[in-house]
Protein backbone atom coordinates (compact mmCIF):
# COMPACT_ATOMS: atom_id res chain seq x y z
CA MET A 1 -9.61 -24.50 9.93
CA GLU A 2 -11.29 -27.88 10.21
CA VAL A 3 -11.34 -30.09 7.10
CA VAL A 4 -14.54 -32.10 6.63
CA VAL A 5 -15.09 -35.18 4.46
CA ILE A 6 -18.37 -35.37 2.52
CA ASN A 7 -19.77 -37.68 -0.15
CA ILE A 8 -20.68 -36.17 -3.51
CA GLU A 9 -22.40 -37.55 -6.59
CA ASP A 10 -22.58 -36.65 -10.26
CA ARG A 11 -25.49 -34.38 -11.10
CA THR A 12 -27.58 -34.53 -14.25
CA ALA A 13 -30.24 -32.05 -13.16
CA SER A 14 -29.86 -28.66 -14.81
CA GLY A 15 -32.12 -25.69 -15.34
CA THR A 16 -34.29 -23.95 -12.76
CA ASN A 17 -37.11 -26.51 -12.60
CA GLN A 18 -34.90 -29.58 -12.44
CA VAL A 19 -32.64 -28.05 -9.80
CA ARG A 20 -35.69 -27.09 -7.73
CA LYS A 21 -36.89 -30.70 -7.85
CA LEU A 22 -33.38 -31.80 -6.86
CA ARG A 23 -33.55 -29.65 -3.73
CA ASP A 24 -36.96 -31.15 -2.92
CA THR A 25 -35.24 -34.55 -2.66
CA GLY A 26 -32.85 -33.23 0.01
CA LYS A 27 -29.90 -32.56 -2.30
CA ILE A 28 -28.02 -29.36 -3.08
CA PRO A 29 -26.34 -28.66 -6.44
CA LEU A 30 -22.58 -28.12 -6.51
CA VAL A 31 -19.97 -27.22 -9.08
CA LEU A 32 -16.31 -28.23 -8.81
CA TYR A 33 -13.85 -26.32 -11.00
CA GLY A 34 -10.24 -25.17 -11.30
CA GLY A 35 -6.97 -27.05 -11.03
CA GLY A 36 -6.54 -27.16 -14.79
CA GLN A 37 -9.53 -29.49 -15.16
CA GLU A 38 -13.03 -29.11 -16.54
CA SER A 39 -15.92 -28.00 -14.33
CA VAL A 40 -18.07 -30.84 -12.98
CA SER A 41 -21.73 -30.65 -11.92
CA LEU A 42 -22.26 -32.45 -8.61
CA GLN A 43 -24.71 -32.82 -5.76
CA ALA A 44 -24.54 -33.58 -2.03
CA ASP A 45 -26.87 -34.04 0.92
CA TYR A 46 -28.40 -30.70 1.78
CA PRO A 47 -28.70 -31.15 5.60
CA GLU A 48 -25.04 -32.14 5.88
CA ILE A 49 -23.78 -29.24 3.79
CA LYS A 50 -25.98 -26.76 5.65
CA ARG A 51 -24.67 -27.97 9.01
CA HIS A 52 -21.07 -27.47 7.92
CA LEU A 53 -21.82 -24.00 6.55
CA GLU A 54 -23.31 -23.02 9.90
CA HIS A 55 -19.98 -23.97 11.49
CA HIS A 56 -18.11 -21.88 8.90
CA ILE A 57 -16.37 -24.88 7.32
CA ARG A 58 -14.91 -24.00 3.93
CA VAL A 59 -12.31 -26.69 3.23
CA PHE A 60 -13.59 -30.15 2.33
CA LYS A 61 -12.39 -33.49 1.10
CA LEU A 62 -14.93 -34.47 -1.54
CA LEU A 63 -15.44 -38.23 -1.97
CA ARG A 64 -16.79 -39.17 -5.39
CA GLY A 65 -16.82 -42.94 -5.45
CA LYS A 66 -13.20 -43.97 -4.96
CA GLU A 67 -11.92 -40.57 -6.04
CA GLU A 68 -11.01 -37.93 -3.46
CA GLN A 69 -10.53 -34.26 -4.24
CA ALA A 70 -9.84 -31.41 -1.84
CA GLY A 71 -12.14 -28.45 -2.44
CA TYR A 72 -12.54 -24.96 -1.07
CA ILE A 73 -15.93 -23.20 -1.00
CA GLN A 74 -15.40 -20.24 -3.27
CA ASN A 75 -18.97 -19.04 -3.43
CA VAL A 76 -22.41 -19.81 -1.96
CA GLN A 77 -25.66 -18.70 -3.58
CA TRP A 78 -28.24 -17.88 -0.89
CA ASP A 79 -32.02 -17.58 -1.03
CA CYS A 80 -32.70 -13.90 -0.37
CA LEU A 81 -35.97 -14.70 1.45
CA THR A 82 -35.15 -17.77 3.51
CA ASP A 83 -31.37 -17.30 3.80
CA GLU A 84 -30.93 -20.94 2.81
CA PRO A 85 -28.00 -22.10 0.63
CA LEU A 86 -29.12 -22.83 -2.93
CA HIS A 87 -25.90 -23.61 -4.81
CA ILE A 88 -22.22 -23.97 -3.93
CA ASP A 89 -19.10 -23.47 -6.03
CA PHE A 90 -16.06 -25.52 -4.98
CA GLN A 91 -12.56 -24.75 -6.20
CA ARG A 92 -10.12 -27.64 -6.54
CA ILE A 93 -7.15 -27.18 -4.22
CA ASP A 94 -3.96 -28.94 -3.19
CA MET A 95 -3.79 -29.40 0.58
CA ASP A 96 0.00 -28.90 0.42
CA LYS A 97 -0.15 -25.58 -1.43
CA PRO A 98 -1.09 -22.25 0.23
CA LEU A 99 -4.28 -20.43 -0.65
CA LYS A 100 -4.26 -16.66 -1.00
CA MET A 101 -6.97 -15.34 1.30
CA ASP A 102 -8.39 -12.11 2.70
CA ILE A 103 -8.75 -12.67 6.45
CA GLU A 104 -10.67 -10.22 8.60
CA LEU A 105 -8.66 -8.40 11.27
CA VAL A 106 -10.61 -8.11 14.54
CA LEU A 107 -9.38 -5.54 17.06
CA LEU A 108 -9.84 -6.28 20.76
CA GLY A 109 -9.78 -3.70 23.53
CA HIS A 110 -8.92 0.00 23.43
CA PRO A 111 -5.62 1.92 23.34
CA LYS A 112 -4.36 3.63 26.49
CA GLY A 113 -5.19 7.01 25.02
CA GLY A 114 -6.06 8.82 21.84
CA ARG A 115 -8.07 7.64 18.88
CA LEU A 116 -7.45 4.32 17.15
CA ILE A 117 -7.45 4.55 13.35
CA ARG A 118 -7.78 1.33 11.38
CA ASP A 119 -5.97 1.54 8.05
CA VAL A 120 -6.63 -2.03 6.91
CA GLN A 121 -9.77 -4.13 7.36
CA TYR A 122 -8.44 -7.42 5.98
CA LEU A 123 -5.05 -9.08 5.93
CA HIS A 124 -3.93 -10.62 2.64
CA LEU A 125 -2.40 -13.96 3.61
CA ALA A 126 -1.15 -17.17 2.04
CA CYS A 127 -2.31 -20.11 4.18
CA LEU A 128 -2.25 -23.86 3.90
CA PRO A 129 -5.88 -25.00 3.37
CA ALA A 130 -6.13 -26.86 6.67
CA GLN A 131 -4.79 -23.85 8.58
CA VAL A 132 -6.86 -20.99 7.18
CA PRO A 133 -8.08 -18.94 10.19
CA GLU A 134 -11.63 -17.57 10.34
CA GLN A 135 -10.21 -14.26 11.55
CA ILE A 136 -7.09 -12.71 13.06
CA GLU A 137 -7.58 -11.21 16.51
CA LEU A 138 -5.33 -8.38 17.67
CA ARG A 139 -5.29 -6.79 21.13
CA VAL A 140 -4.60 -3.06 21.12
CA ASN A 141 -4.64 -2.36 24.88
CA ASP A 142 -0.93 -1.51 25.04
CA LEU A 143 -0.99 1.08 22.26
CA GLU A 144 -0.51 4.78 23.05
CA ILE A 145 -0.78 8.05 21.14
CA GLY A 146 1.74 8.06 18.31
CA ASP A 147 1.98 4.26 18.10
CA ASN A 148 1.38 2.40 14.87
CA LEU A 149 1.42 -1.24 13.78
CA LEU A 150 2.89 -2.65 10.60
CA ALA A 151 1.85 -5.85 8.85
CA ARG A 152 5.10 -7.63 9.73
CA GLU A 153 4.49 -7.01 13.43
CA ILE A 154 1.29 -9.09 13.54
CA GLU A 155 1.69 -12.61 14.86
CA LEU A 156 0.18 -15.00 12.32
CA PRO A 157 -1.10 -18.55 12.86
CA GLU A 158 1.10 -21.46 11.91
CA GLY A 159 0.91 -22.23 8.21
CA CYS A 160 0.15 -18.61 7.25
CA SER A 161 2.37 -15.91 5.79
CA LEU A 162 1.87 -12.35 4.56
CA ASP A 163 0.80 -11.82 0.96
CA MET A 164 1.04 -8.04 1.29
CA PRO A 165 3.84 -5.49 1.85
CA ALA A 166 5.46 -6.21 5.22
CA ASP A 167 5.82 -2.48 5.98
CA LEU A 168 2.19 -1.63 5.25
CA GLN A 169 0.63 0.28 8.14
CA ILE A 170 -2.28 -1.65 9.62
CA LEU A 171 -3.43 0.85 12.25
CA HIS A 172 -2.24 3.89 14.22
CA VAL A 173 -3.24 5.95 17.25
CA THR A 174 -3.70 9.71 17.06
CA GLU A 175 -4.65 12.40 19.54
CA THR A 176 -8.36 12.63 20.27
CA ALA A 177 -9.93 15.29 18.07
CA LYS A 178 -11.24 18.26 20.01
CA VAL A 179 -14.11 20.33 18.73
CA LEU A 180 -13.74 24.01 19.62
CA GLU A 181 -16.99 25.92 19.88
CA GLU A 182 -17.09 29.71 19.71
CA GLU A 183 -19.74 31.22 21.91
CA ASP A 184 -21.63 34.30 20.77
CA PRO A 185 -21.13 37.06 23.42
CA ALA A 186 -24.81 37.93 23.21
CA GLY A 187 -25.81 34.29 23.40
CA ASP A 188 -27.53 34.52 20.01
CA VAL A 189 -27.40 31.69 17.47
CA PRO A 190 -26.94 32.89 13.83
CA ALA A 191 -29.92 32.27 11.60
CA ASP A 192 -29.59 30.06 8.52
CA GLY A 193 -27.62 31.78 5.80
CA GLU A 194 -26.24 34.47 8.13
CA ALA A 195 -22.73 34.94 9.46
CA GLY A 196 -21.08 32.02 11.15
CA GLY A 197 -18.68 30.67 8.54
CA GLY A 198 -21.28 29.08 6.24
CA ALA A 199 -21.60 29.62 2.50
CA GLU A 200 -24.44 31.57 0.92
CA GLY A 201 -27.81 29.87 1.17
CA GLY A 202 -26.82 28.15 4.41
CA GLU A 203 -24.99 25.27 2.70
CA LYS A 204 -21.81 23.93 4.25
CA PRO A 205 -18.81 24.44 1.96
CA ALA A 206 -17.18 21.32 0.60
CA GLU A 207 -14.11 20.30 2.51
């Protein structure tokens, strides 16, 4: 993941009205917290931050005068009407220490046969901040019925390691389900509530 350097400033504006006026000047409010230090109210140029968000940048080097602090975007508050960022929470991080992240697993292709069952949507990983992937892509074209894939069998990017059981099943391939339909000899379709395996009143029994 790309690491971007941005300039930040101390922020005195607080409260809804003052923060709204701050945004009118082309700034966006930030908060920097964690790392055993107190939370700090900050601000940065809105157009610059927005551009980086559009490129899915989450790791930054925050320049505050002569002080530099690495920060990870932990949360973004969005305007529900305009979909514009309103406020950003940064977590202090050490660029040499892994972050524990949930990374989406994207499956590419289709197995040779059967039905692919995904058991896990996200991989729990520990990654160095500069090497956090946006997603993990996995091709499944070579899988066949009866095959499965464990967490330890997934090739991870450099700088990342599993933060989950290595033997956890990620996905598996089963036989395609076949629906068997019984035809009425007379060609009649049972009316609601009549014979045909349903419960009284025509409701389907709970499985």
